Each structure stands twice: as structure tokens, then as C-alpha cells.
Amino acid sequence: MIGQRIINSTTIANREQIEETLRRHKGNMSHAAKELGMSRPTLYKRVKEYGIDKRKFE
């Protein structure tokens, strides 16, 4: 049970970090991925996994 809470908290924190970075870069995935220290394909995967609509940042 505790492990599940940690995963959920981590997921929420990651999602918020990605959303804030996309907001800062006006939805530019390349720039956001670079700032987050991940590849663009990985960022696309996380955006899809977390259900983030990147269009709202454009």
C-alpha cells in the first residue's frame, strides 16, 4: 500500500514537472525534452502515458 502511494506521488510530481516545462517552452517538445534531460521520444511517451494534452501549451 505504501509503495503504491509513493508511485502515485512520483507520477504526479513527474506529470507536474513535464506540464510546467511544456508551459515554459510553449509546447515545444524538443526544448522541453532537453531541459528535462530526456530524449524527445521519451518525452512523447511520458506525455501519452500521463494523458497530457500538449496542445494546451501551444
N, C-alpha and C. Protein backbone atom coordinates (compact mmCIF):
# COMPACT_ATOMS: atom_id res chain seq x y z
N MET A 1 0.82 -1.20 0.00
CA MET A 1 0.00 0.00 0.00
C MET A 1 0.86 1.26 0.00
N ILE A 2 1.86 1.31 0.85
CA ILE A 2 2.74 2.48 0.91
C ILE A 2 3.48 2.65 -0.40
N GLY A 3 3.97 1.55 -0.97
CA GLY A 3 4.67 1.61 -2.25
C GLY A 3 3.80 2.20 -3.34
N GLN A 4 2.53 1.87 -3.34
CA GLN A 4 1.60 2.41 -4.34
C GLN A 4 1.45 3.92 -4.17
N ARG A 5 1.39 4.39 -2.95
CA ARG A 5 1.30 5.84 -2.71
C ARG A 5 2.53 6.55 -3.22
N ILE A 6 3.71 5.96 -3.01
CA ILE A 6 4.94 6.58 -3.48
C ILE A 6 4.94 6.67 -5.00
N ILE A 7 4.54 5.60 -5.65
CA ILE A 7 4.49 5.61 -7.11
C ILE A 7 3.52 6.68 -7.59
N ASN A 8 2.37 6.78 -6.99
CA ASN A 8 1.39 7.79 -7.39
C ASN A 8 1.92 9.20 -7.15
N SER A 9 2.57 9.45 -6.03
CA SER A 9 3.15 10.75 -5.74
C SER A 9 4.24 11.09 -6.73
N THR A 10 5.06 10.11 -7.06
CA THR A 10 6.13 10.32 -8.03
C THR A 10 5.55 10.61 -9.40
N THR A 11 4.54 9.87 -9.78
CA THR A 11 3.89 10.09 -11.07
C THR A 11 3.29 11.48 -11.15
N ILE A 12 2.64 11.91 -10.10
CA ILE A 12 2.05 13.25 -10.06
C ILE A 12 3.14 14.31 -10.17
N ALA A 13 4.22 14.14 -9.44
CA ALA A 13 5.33 15.10 -9.48
C ALA A 13 5.94 15.15 -10.88
N ASN A 14 6.13 13.98 -11.50
CA ASN A 14 6.69 13.94 -12.86
C ASN A 14 5.75 14.64 -13.85
N ARG A 15 4.48 14.36 -13.72
CA ARG A 15 3.49 14.98 -14.62
C ARG A 15 3.51 16.50 -14.46
N GLU A 16 3.52 16.97 -13.24
CA GLU A 16 3.54 18.41 -12.99
C GLU A 16 4.81 19.05 -13.55
N GLN A 17 5.94 18.37 -13.39
CA GLN A 17 7.20 18.89 -13.91
C GLN A 17 7.16 18.97 -15.44
N ILE A 18 6.64 17.95 -16.08
CA ILE A 18 6.53 17.95 -17.53
C ILE A 18 5.59 19.06 -17.99
N GLU A 19 4.44 19.19 -17.34
CA GLU A 19 3.49 20.24 -17.72
C GLU A 19 4.09 21.63 -17.55
N GLU A 20 4.78 21.88 -16.46
CA GLU A 20 5.39 23.19 -16.23
C GLU A 20 6.47 23.47 -17.28
N THR A 21 7.25 22.47 -17.61
CA THR A 21 8.30 22.65 -18.62
C THR A 21 7.69 22.90 -19.99
N LEU A 22 6.65 22.17 -20.35
CA LEU A 22 5.96 22.42 -21.63
C LEU A 22 5.36 23.81 -21.66
N ARG A 23 4.83 24.26 -20.54
CA ARG A 23 4.26 25.62 -20.46
C ARG A 23 5.35 26.66 -20.70
N ARG A 24 6.49 26.46 -20.07
CA ARG A 24 7.61 27.39 -20.22
C ARG A 24 8.10 27.47 -21.67
N HIS A 25 8.04 26.33 -22.36
CA HIS A 25 8.54 26.25 -23.74
C HIS A 25 7.41 26.30 -24.76
N LYS A 26 6.22 26.73 -24.31
CA LYS A 26 5.05 26.90 -25.19
C LYS A 26 4.77 25.66 -26.04
N GLY A 27 4.91 24.48 -25.42
CA GLY A 27 4.59 23.22 -26.08
C GLY A 27 5.69 22.66 -26.96
N ASN A 28 6.84 23.33 -27.01
CA ASN A 28 7.94 22.84 -27.85
C ASN A 28 8.57 21.61 -27.19
N MET A 29 8.30 20.45 -27.78
CA MET A 29 8.73 19.18 -27.20
C MET A 29 10.25 19.04 -27.20
N SER A 30 10.92 19.51 -28.23
CA SER A 30 12.38 19.41 -28.30
C SER A 30 13.04 20.19 -27.17
N HIS A 31 12.62 21.42 -26.99
CA HIS A 31 13.20 22.26 -25.94
C HIS A 31 12.87 21.72 -24.54
N ALA A 32 11.63 21.27 -24.37
CA ALA A 32 11.22 20.72 -23.07
C ALA A 32 12.01 19.45 -22.75
N ALA A 33 12.17 18.57 -23.73
CA ALA A 33 12.92 17.33 -23.51
C ALA A 33 14.36 17.63 -23.11
N LYS A 34 14.96 18.60 -23.78
CA LYS A 34 16.35 18.97 -23.46
C LYS A 34 16.45 19.47 -22.02
N GLU A 35 15.53 20.34 -21.62
CA GLU A 35 15.55 20.86 -20.25
C GLU A 35 15.33 19.75 -19.23
N LEU A 36 14.46 18.80 -19.56
CA LEU A 36 14.15 17.71 -18.64
C LEU A 36 15.23 16.63 -18.64
N GLY A 37 16.18 16.69 -19.58
CA GLY A 37 17.26 15.73 -19.63
C GLY A 37 16.83 14.37 -20.16
N MET A 38 15.87 14.40 -21.10
CA MET A 38 15.41 13.14 -21.69
C MET A 38 15.32 13.32 -23.19
N SER A 39 15.23 12.21 -23.89
CA SER A 39 15.10 12.29 -25.35
C SER A 39 13.68 12.72 -25.71
N ARG A 40 13.53 13.24 -26.90
CA ARG A 40 12.21 13.64 -27.37
C ARG A 40 11.24 12.46 -27.41
N PRO A 41 11.67 11.29 -27.94
CA PRO A 41 10.76 10.14 -27.92
C PRO A 41 10.31 9.74 -26.51
N THR A 42 11.21 9.86 -25.54
CA THR A 42 10.85 9.54 -24.16
C THR A 42 9.82 10.54 -23.64
N LEU A 43 10.00 11.81 -23.97
CA LEU A 43 9.04 12.82 -23.53
C LEU A 43 7.67 12.54 -24.16
N TYR A 44 7.64 12.22 -25.45
CA TYR A 44 6.37 11.88 -26.10
C TYR A 44 5.70 10.70 -25.40
N LYS A 45 6.51 9.71 -25.04
CA LYS A 45 5.99 8.52 -24.33
C LYS A 45 5.37 8.92 -22.99
N ARG A 46 6.08 9.76 -22.23
CA ARG A 46 5.57 10.19 -20.92
C ARG A 46 4.31 11.04 -21.06
N VAL A 47 4.29 11.92 -22.05
CA VAL A 47 3.12 12.76 -22.28
C VAL A 47 1.90 11.87 -22.56
N LYS A 48 2.09 10.86 -23.38
CA LYS A 48 1.00 9.93 -23.68
C LYS A 48 0.62 9.13 -22.44
N GLU A 49 1.62 8.62 -21.72
CA GLU A 49 1.40 7.80 -20.52
C GLU A 49 0.64 8.57 -19.45
N TYR A 50 0.96 9.85 -19.27
CA TYR A 50 0.33 10.66 -18.23
C TYR A 50 -0.95 11.35 -18.70
N GLY A 51 -1.30 11.17 -19.98
CA GLY A 51 -2.52 11.76 -20.51
C GLY A 51 -2.46 13.27 -20.61
N ILE A 52 -1.29 13.80 -20.89
CA ILE A 52 -1.11 15.25 -21.01
C ILE A 52 -1.47 15.66 -22.43
N ASP A 53 -2.29 16.70 -22.57
CA ASP A 53 -2.64 17.25 -23.88
C ASP A 53 -1.67 18.39 -24.18
N LYS A 54 -0.66 18.10 -24.97
CA LYS A 54 0.38 19.09 -25.23
C LYS A 54 -0.15 20.29 -26.01
N ARG A 55 -1.28 20.13 -26.67
CA ARG A 55 -1.85 21.25 -27.45
C ARG A 55 -2.24 22.43 -26.55
N LYS A 56 -2.53 22.16 -25.30
CA LYS A 56 -2.96 23.27 -24.42
C LYS A 56 -1.78 24.18 -24.06
N PHE A 57 -0.57 23.79 -24.41
CA PHE A 57 0.61 24.61 -24.10
C PHE A 57 1.11 25.38 -25.32
N GLU A 58 0.53 25.13 -26.48
CA GLU A 58 0.99 25.77 -27.72
C GLU A 58 0.48 27.18 -27.84
